[in-house]
Amino acid sequence: MTREEFLQGLNEALDGNMDASAIRENLNYYNEYINEEVKKGKTEQQVVDTLGDPWAIAQTLLEADENGADGGAAAGSRLHSAGSSYGTYMKNEEGRVFEIPWWKKALFILAVVLVMVVIVSFVAGVIRILAPILIPLLIAMLIIRLIGGSGSQR
């Protein structure tokens, strides 16, 4: 998707749902955002892909506008700053974009660490139980092999 397609899609999604000045403000905001990212070295395609679906952004802007935010562009700014610092954006089955909050990611990492600790504890417990049996058995097998091996060489 190109910049023009993205901005056109955003315009179509907002048209009739938001006043014309707020739509212009949001289109200008996203156009400037794309320009800034391109100046930082990204391609226009990369920036538009990072932004995601213009219809999902329009939905977020409309919800923010209904909740009394200072124009949609302010909500868009919060959306991108959250995405760049804490949030991860995903698409669900219907193609809608949603953000995974930082605390859910932290909880997932904690769960993974906990599972790893349980597995290591279990393996250590099994080794602790079997070591008094296996070590003498292995030593005995080594001695038998050495004694049996040296007798066959004569």
Foldseek 3Di string as FASTA:
>chain_A
DALVVLLVQLLVLCPPLDDPVLNVVQSVLVVVVLVVVVVVPDDRVVSSVVVFHSNLLSVQLSVCVVVPDPGSSVSVVVVVVCCVPFWDWDADPVRHIDTDGNVVVVVVVVVVVVVVVVVVVVVVVVCVVCVVPVVVVVVVVVVCCVVVVVVVVD
